[in-house]
Amino acid sequence: MVIERLDRRPVVLVLCAAALAVLALLVVTPVPADRTALVLRLGLPVRVINAWRAGGDDAGLTLRWPIAERVVWLDRRLMTVSIENTHVTTGDGQPLVVDSYATWRVTDPVRFYQALGDLDHSGHDHAAEQLRNILASVVREQLGHITMGDVAALQRGQGTVRIRDAFDRALAVYGAHVTGFSVSRLGLPDGAPLDAAYARMSVAADSAGQDITAQSHRNARLIRADAEARAVEIYAASFVKDPQFYDFYRAMQSYDAIFAQKGSRTTVVISPANAYLKQFHGQ
């Protein structure tokens, strides 16, 4: 009997070790650095391990009750949501097609889980679809306030902060924070709307060009008139200071008008002693 008990002892030890190993696997859960563990007890969130925060890292091993508790995993890294071929209408009625994307991360795992449900497997697809719908709604709303004149600036990245902030406010309800937004494509739909938009833009450009040309001509006339008035003032001030120079200057202008005209066949007969020619004699 003693020998039989001794022979059975190694088997019992192996079985106990195996049971302890299985229990350890059920109780101990490793939490990687790039994941957040949300522990649910009977379906209700009770603990969050390794949630994102600046400078924080709680990765490692955590304990949970088998069967009663399960772990829902959330990505702790920066993630991207994108939308393609989103049809929007600008504030001046112009249809556009937009491709855009935003970067975001989970900041409140409990709120995110309660708003979007389980993110494992099919739940992840559901959450991504919800985020795409929210982003598309925000883009339509924000671009509905701009005109075609603002489209070029938006393509250069100007004005995207306003859209990012609007998307961030929308995702705050879901326990997420938006870190960036960008437009990858912004164009006009194919077909008749595109042709009509080109025609409308061409007419607008021509009208703007005509306005600029007319304004430049008006400015030129004003500048020329101001310069001529200033010149008259300078001449008058000079003539008052030196009347003899004034008489000489007027005589030179008159001589130039009568005698120095190229191609003129007019013959002028006048006596050399005429007072009109006194400046020729230095008088």
Foldseek 3Di string as FASTA:
>chain_A
DVVVVVVCVVVVVVVVVVVVVVVCVQFKDFFDFFKKKFKDFQRATDDIAQADDVPDTRGGIDTDDGPRIDIFIFGRDKDKAWDFQQWAAALVGAIKGFTKMFIKGARDVNLLCVVQNGCPDVSVVSSSVVLNVLLSVLVRVVRNHHDPVCVVVLQVVPPQVVSQVVSQVVCVSNRMGIDDMHIPDMGHDDDDSVVVVVVVVVVVVVVVVVVVVVVVVVVVVVVVVVVVVVVVVVVVVVCVVPVVVVVVVVLVVVCCVPPVDPPDPDDDDDDCVDPSNVVVVVD
